[in-house]
Amino acid sequence: MSQLNNSIEKNIDFYSYELENVEEIKNLSAKLTGLIQEILNLHQSDQLKYESLQDLLEVIIQVYGQKYDDGQRFPMIAPDSDINATTALVAASSLLKMKNIEIFELGMWQSWSGSR
């Protein structure tokens, strides 16, 4: 019985740890979003190192892709976002270029996967 209790306690501790991490990520995400938005509002984006932005984008895109693979299909950016069409095209184009994907290949993948 003692082994069972120890196992349960370890699982509860691990679960609590995961929940604490999720809450911490939510808090840090909100804080980081606010700080970056402040930099944008002050037109000081040159203060941000591109390597830092690459690191952030990489993990965010990986999480988005994992959620997509898990069946969670939602827009990458909220519909009421301030991102204009040009900015969206610049970002999409950069991603496609980085992975050497032609626009035709994107269209074919969307058709085959039913992701439109």
N, C-alpha and C. Protein backbone atom coordinates (compact mmCIF):
# COMPACT_ATOMS: atom_id res chain seq x y z
N MET A 1 0.82 -1.20 0.00
CA MET A 1 0.00 0.00 0.00
C MET A 1 0.87 1.26 0.00
N SER A 2 1.98 1.20 0.68
CA SER A 2 2.88 2.35 0.75
C SER A 2 3.43 2.72 -0.63
N GLN A 3 3.76 1.67 -1.44
CA GLN A 3 4.25 1.94 -2.79
C GLN A 3 3.19 2.64 -3.62
N LEU A 4 1.96 2.22 -3.48
CA LEU A 4 0.86 2.83 -4.22
C LEU A 4 0.70 4.29 -3.82
N ASN A 5 0.76 4.56 -2.52
CA ASN A 5 0.64 5.95 -2.05
C ASN A 5 1.79 6.80 -2.58
N ASN A 6 3.01 6.25 -2.57
CA ASN A 6 4.16 6.98 -3.09
C ASN A 6 3.98 7.28 -4.58
N SER A 7 3.49 6.30 -5.32
CA SER A 7 3.26 6.48 -6.75
C SER A 7 2.21 7.56 -7.00
N ILE A 8 1.14 7.51 -6.24
CA ILE A 8 0.08 8.51 -6.38
C ILE A 8 0.62 9.89 -6.05
N GLU A 9 1.38 10.00 -4.97
CA GLU A 9 1.94 11.29 -4.58
C GLU A 9 2.87 11.82 -5.65
N LYS A 10 3.70 10.95 -6.24
CA LYS A 10 4.60 11.39 -7.30
C LYS A 10 3.81 11.89 -8.49
N ASN A 11 2.75 11.18 -8.87
CA ASN A 11 1.93 11.61 -9.99
C ASN A 11 1.24 12.93 -9.71
N ILE A 12 0.76 13.11 -8.49
CA ILE A 12 0.13 14.37 -8.11
C ILE A 12 1.15 15.49 -8.15
N ASP A 13 2.35 15.24 -7.61
CA ASP A 13 3.40 16.26 -7.65
C ASP A 13 3.74 16.64 -9.09
N PHE A 14 3.86 15.64 -9.97
CA PHE A 14 4.18 15.90 -11.37
C PHE A 14 3.06 16.70 -12.02
N TYR A 15 1.81 16.33 -11.75
CA TYR A 15 0.67 17.04 -12.32
C TYR A 15 0.64 18.48 -11.83
N SER A 16 0.87 18.68 -10.54
CA SER A 16 0.91 20.04 -9.99
C SER A 16 2.02 20.85 -10.63
N TYR A 17 3.16 20.21 -10.84
CA TYR A 17 4.31 20.87 -11.46
C TYR A 17 3.94 21.32 -12.87
N GLU A 18 3.25 20.42 -13.62
CA GLU A 18 2.84 20.78 -14.97
C GLU A 18 1.88 21.97 -14.95
N LEU A 19 0.93 21.96 -14.03
CA LEU A 19 -0.02 23.06 -13.95
C LEU A 19 0.67 24.36 -13.59
N GLU A 20 1.64 24.31 -12.69
CA GLU A 20 2.39 25.50 -12.33
C GLU A 20 3.14 26.03 -13.55
N ASN A 21 3.73 25.14 -14.35
CA ASN A 21 4.45 25.57 -15.54
C ASN A 21 3.51 26.22 -16.55
N VAL A 22 2.33 25.64 -16.71
CA VAL A 22 1.36 26.21 -17.65
C VAL A 22 0.97 27.61 -17.20
N GLU A 23 0.70 27.79 -15.94
CA GLU A 23 0.34 29.11 -15.42
C GLU A 23 1.49 30.09 -15.59
N GLU A 24 2.71 29.62 -15.32
CA GLU A 24 3.88 30.48 -15.48
C GLU A 24 4.06 30.89 -16.93
N ILE A 25 3.85 29.96 -17.85
CA ILE A 25 3.96 30.27 -19.28
C ILE A 25 2.90 31.29 -19.68
N LYS A 26 1.67 31.13 -19.19
CA LYS A 26 0.61 32.10 -19.49
C LYS A 26 1.01 33.50 -19.01
N ASN A 27 1.51 33.58 -17.79
CA ASN A 27 1.90 34.87 -17.22
C ASN A 27 3.07 35.49 -17.99
N LEU A 28 4.08 34.68 -18.28
CA LEU A 28 5.24 35.19 -19.02
C LEU A 28 4.86 35.59 -20.44
N SER A 29 3.99 34.82 -21.05
CA SER A 29 3.53 35.14 -22.40
C SER A 29 2.84 36.50 -22.44
N ALA A 30 1.95 36.72 -21.48
CA ALA A 30 1.24 38.00 -21.43
C ALA A 30 2.22 39.14 -21.19
N LYS A 31 3.18 38.92 -20.32
CA LYS A 31 4.17 39.97 -20.02
C LYS A 31 5.04 40.25 -21.25
N LEU A 32 5.51 39.20 -21.90
CA LEU A 32 6.36 39.35 -23.08
C LEU A 32 5.60 40.03 -24.21
N THR A 33 4.35 39.62 -24.41
CA THR A 33 3.52 40.24 -25.45
C THR A 33 3.38 41.74 -25.18
N GLY A 34 3.12 42.10 -23.93
CA GLY A 34 3.00 43.51 -23.56
C GLY A 34 4.27 44.30 -23.79
N LEU A 35 5.41 43.72 -23.42
CA LEU A 35 6.69 44.40 -23.61
C LEU A 35 7.01 44.61 -25.08
N ILE A 36 6.78 43.58 -25.88
CA ILE A 36 7.06 43.70 -27.32
C ILE A 36 6.09 44.70 -27.96
N GLN A 37 4.82 44.69 -27.54
CA GLN A 37 3.85 45.64 -28.07
C GLN A 37 4.27 47.07 -27.73
N GLU A 38 4.80 47.26 -26.54
CA GLU A 38 5.28 48.58 -26.13
C GLU A 38 6.42 49.04 -27.03
N ILE A 39 7.34 48.12 -27.35
CA ILE A 39 8.45 48.44 -28.24
C ILE A 39 7.92 48.82 -29.63
N LEU A 40 6.91 48.07 -30.10
CA LEU A 40 6.31 48.39 -31.40
C LEU A 40 5.65 49.77 -31.37
N ASN A 41 4.91 50.05 -30.32
CA ASN A 41 4.22 51.35 -30.20
C ASN A 41 5.20 52.51 -30.20
N LEU A 42 6.39 52.28 -29.67
CA LEU A 42 7.43 53.33 -29.63
C LEU A 42 8.28 53.34 -30.90
N HIS A 43 7.93 52.47 -31.85
CA HIS A 43 8.68 52.35 -33.12
C HIS A 43 10.17 52.10 -32.87
N GLN A 44 10.45 51.19 -31.93
CA GLN A 44 11.83 50.86 -31.58
C GLN A 44 12.13 49.38 -31.79
N SER A 45 11.55 48.79 -32.85
CA SER A 45 11.77 47.36 -33.07
C SER A 45 13.23 47.03 -33.38
N ASP A 46 14.02 48.05 -33.75
CA ASP A 46 15.45 47.82 -33.98
C ASP A 46 16.17 47.43 -32.69
N GLN A 47 15.52 47.63 -31.55
CA GLN A 47 16.11 47.26 -30.26
C GLN A 47 16.10 45.74 -30.05
N LEU A 48 15.23 45.04 -30.79
CA LEU A 48 15.10 43.59 -30.63
C LEU A 48 16.08 42.88 -31.56
N LYS A 49 16.88 42.00 -31.02
CA LYS A 49 17.82 41.23 -31.84
C LYS A 49 17.05 40.21 -32.67
N TYR A 50 17.43 40.08 -33.93
CA TYR A 50 16.70 39.16 -34.79
C TYR A 50 16.83 37.72 -34.33
N GLU A 51 17.94 37.37 -33.70
CA GLU A 51 18.10 36.00 -33.20
C GLU A 51 17.06 35.68 -32.13
N SER A 52 16.75 36.66 -31.30
CA SER A 52 15.73 36.46 -30.26
C SER A 52 14.37 36.25 -30.89
N LEU A 53 14.07 37.04 -31.92
CA LEU A 53 12.79 36.88 -32.60
C LEU A 53 12.71 35.53 -33.29
N GLN A 54 13.81 35.11 -33.90
CA GLN A 54 13.84 33.79 -34.55
C GLN A 54 13.57 32.69 -33.54
N ASP A 55 14.19 32.77 -32.38
CA ASP A 55 13.99 31.76 -31.34
C ASP A 55 12.52 31.71 -30.90
N LEU A 56 11.93 32.87 -30.68
CA LEU A 56 10.52 32.93 -30.26
C LEU A 56 9.61 32.37 -31.35
N LEU A 57 9.82 32.83 -32.58
CA LEU A 57 8.97 32.35 -33.67
C LEU A 57 9.10 30.85 -33.86
N GLU A 58 10.31 30.33 -33.75
CA GLU A 58 10.51 28.90 -33.95
C GLU A 58 9.70 28.06 -32.96
N VAL A 59 9.79 28.38 -31.69
CA VAL A 59 9.05 27.56 -30.71
C VAL A 59 7.55 27.78 -30.82
N ILE A 60 7.13 28.99 -31.14
CA ILE A 60 5.70 29.26 -31.29
C ILE A 60 5.14 28.48 -32.48
N ILE A 61 5.87 28.48 -33.58
CA ILE A 61 5.42 27.75 -34.77
C ILE A 61 5.43 26.25 -34.52
N GLN A 62 6.42 25.76 -33.77
CA GLN A 62 6.44 24.34 -33.43
C GLN A 62 5.23 23.95 -32.59
N VAL A 63 4.88 24.77 -31.62
CA VAL A 63 3.70 24.49 -30.79
C VAL A 63 2.44 24.54 -31.64
N TYR A 64 2.34 25.54 -32.52
CA TYR A 64 1.18 25.66 -33.40
C TYR A 64 1.05 24.41 -34.28
N GLY A 65 2.17 23.97 -34.84
CA GLY A 65 2.16 22.77 -35.68
C GLY A 65 1.76 21.53 -34.90
N GLN A 66 2.23 21.41 -33.67
CA GLN A 66 1.87 20.26 -32.84
C GLN A 66 0.38 20.27 -32.53
N LYS A 67 -0.17 21.44 -32.22
CA LYS A 67 -1.60 21.54 -31.96
C LYS A 67 -2.40 21.20 -33.22
N TYR A 68 -1.91 21.63 -34.39
CA TYR A 68 -2.57 21.31 -35.66
C TYR A 68 -2.57 19.79 -35.86
N ASP A 69 -1.43 19.16 -35.63
CA ASP A 69 -1.33 17.71 -35.77
C ASP A 69 -2.24 16.98 -34.79
N ASP A 70 -2.48 17.59 -33.63
CA ASP A 70 -3.36 17.00 -32.62
C ASP A 70 -4.84 17.28 -32.90
N GLY A 71 -5.12 17.94 -34.03
CA GLY A 71 -6.50 18.20 -34.41
C GLY A 71 -7.06 19.53 -33.94
N GLN A 72 -6.23 20.35 -33.32
CA GLN A 72 -6.68 21.66 -32.84
C GLN A 72 -6.46 22.67 -33.97
N ARG A 73 -7.48 22.93 -34.75
CA ARG A 73 -7.38 23.82 -35.91
C ARG A 73 -7.97 25.18 -35.54
N PHE A 74 -7.11 26.16 -35.41
CA PHE A 74 -7.56 27.52 -35.10
C PHE A 74 -6.66 28.48 -35.86
N PRO A 75 -7.15 29.70 -36.14
CA PRO A 75 -6.32 30.67 -36.86
C PRO A 75 -5.05 30.99 -36.06
N MET A 76 -3.93 31.10 -36.76
CA MET A 76 -2.67 31.39 -36.09
C MET A 76 -2.73 32.75 -35.39
N ILE A 77 -3.41 33.68 -35.99
CA ILE A 77 -3.56 35.02 -35.43
C ILE A 77 -5.05 35.27 -35.27
N ALA A 78 -5.43 35.95 -34.19
CA ALA A 78 -6.84 36.26 -33.94
C ALA A 78 -7.41 37.10 -35.08
N PRO A 79 -8.67 36.84 -35.45
CA PRO A 79 -9.28 37.56 -36.57
C PRO A 79 -9.27 39.09 -36.42
N ASP A 80 -9.30 39.58 -35.20
CA ASP A 80 -9.31 41.03 -34.98
C ASP A 80 -7.90 41.61 -34.79
N SER A 81 -6.89 40.87 -35.23
CA SER A 81 -5.50 41.28 -35.10
C SER A 81 -5.21 42.56 -35.88
N ASP A 82 -4.21 43.28 -35.45
CA ASP A 82 -3.77 44.50 -36.15
C ASP A 82 -2.81 44.20 -37.30
N ILE A 83 -2.50 42.92 -37.52
CA ILE A 83 -1.58 42.56 -38.60
C ILE A 83 -2.29 42.80 -39.93
N ASN A 84 -1.65 43.62 -40.80
CA ASN A 84 -2.26 43.89 -42.10
C ASN A 84 -1.83 42.82 -43.12
N ALA A 85 -2.42 42.87 -44.29
CA ALA A 85 -2.18 41.86 -45.33
C ALA A 85 -0.71 41.83 -45.74
N THR A 86 -0.09 42.98 -45.86
CA THR A 86 1.32 43.02 -46.28
C THR A 86 2.20 42.33 -45.26
N THR A 87 1.98 42.61 -43.99
CA THR A 87 2.78 41.99 -42.93
C THR A 87 2.57 40.47 -42.92
N ALA A 88 1.33 40.04 -43.10
CA ALA A 88 1.04 38.60 -43.15
C ALA A 88 1.77 37.95 -44.33
N LEU A 89 1.75 38.62 -45.49
CA LEU A 89 2.44 38.08 -46.67
C LEU A 89 3.96 38.04 -46.48
N VAL A 90 4.51 39.05 -45.85
CA VAL A 90 5.95 39.07 -45.59
C VAL A 90 6.34 37.89 -44.71
N ALA A 91 5.56 37.65 -43.65
CA ALA A 91 5.86 36.54 -42.73
C ALA A 91 5.69 35.20 -43.43
N ALA A 92 4.57 35.03 -44.15
CA ALA A 92 4.33 33.76 -44.86
C ALA A 92 5.40 33.51 -45.90
N SER A 93 5.75 34.54 -46.64
CA SER A 93 6.78 34.41 -47.68
C SER A 93 8.12 34.01 -47.07
N SER A 94 8.46 34.61 -45.95
CA SER A 94 9.73 34.29 -45.28
C SER A 94 9.76 32.84 -44.84
N LEU A 95 8.65 32.35 -44.28
CA LEU A 95 8.58 30.95 -43.86
C LEU A 95 8.74 30.01 -45.05
N LEU A 96 8.03 30.30 -46.12
CA LEU A 96 8.11 29.46 -47.32
C LEU A 96 9.52 29.46 -47.89
N LYS A 97 10.12 30.63 -47.97
CA LYS A 97 11.48 30.74 -48.51
C LYS A 97 12.49 29.98 -47.64
N MET A 98 12.35 30.11 -46.34
CA MET A 98 13.28 29.47 -45.40
C MET A 98 13.27 27.96 -45.56
N LYS A 99 12.09 27.39 -45.85
CA LYS A 99 11.97 25.94 -46.01
C LYS A 99 12.00 25.51 -47.48
N ASN A 100 12.27 26.48 -48.37
CA ASN A 100 12.36 26.22 -49.81
C ASN A 100 11.07 25.58 -50.35
N ILE A 101 9.95 26.18 -49.99
CA ILE A 101 8.63 25.71 -50.44
C ILE A 101 8.09 26.72 -51.43
N GLU A 102 7.71 26.24 -52.59
CA GLU A 102 7.12 27.10 -53.61
C GLU A 102 5.63 27.30 -53.31
N ILE A 103 5.08 28.41 -53.78
CA ILE A 103 3.66 28.70 -53.54
C ILE A 103 2.77 27.62 -54.13
N PHE A 104 3.19 27.04 -55.25
CA PHE A 104 2.44 25.95 -55.86
C PHE A 104 2.36 24.75 -54.90
N GLU A 105 3.48 24.45 -54.24
CA GLU A 105 3.50 23.34 -53.29
C GLU A 105 2.57 23.60 -52.12
N LEU A 106 2.52 24.83 -51.68
CA LEU A 106 1.59 25.19 -50.59
C LEU A 106 0.15 24.95 -51.03
N GLY A 107 -0.18 25.40 -52.25
CA GLY A 107 -1.53 25.19 -52.77
C GLY A 107 -1.87 23.71 -52.88
N MET A 108 -0.92 22.91 -53.35
CA MET A 108 -1.15 21.47 -53.47
C MET A 108 -1.36 20.84 -52.09
N TRP A 109 -0.54 21.21 -51.13
CA TRP A 109 -0.68 20.66 -49.78
C TRP A 109 -2.04 21.03 -49.19
N GLN A 110 -2.47 22.28 -49.40
CA GLN A 110 -3.78 22.70 -48.87
C GLN A 110 -4.89 21.89 -49.52
N SER A 111 -4.77 21.63 -50.82
CA SER A 111 -5.80 20.84 -51.52
C SER A 111 -5.82 19.40 -51.01
N TRP A 112 -4.66 18.80 -50.89
CA TRP A 112 -4.58 17.40 -50.49
C TRP A 112 -4.96 17.19 -49.03
N SER A 113 -4.57 18.12 -48.19
CA SER A 113 -4.81 17.93 -46.75
C SER A 113 -6.18 18.43 -46.31
N GLY A 114 -6.86 19.16 -47.18
CA GLY A 114 -8.16 19.70 -46.80
C GLY A 114 -8.06 20.80 -45.78
N SER A 115 -6.94 21.52 -45.76
CA SER A 115 -6.71 22.52 -44.72
C SER A 115 -7.19 23.92 -45.12
N ARG A 116 -7.85 24.05 -46.23
CA ARG A 116 -8.31 25.39 -46.64
C ARG A 116 -9.49 25.84 -45.86
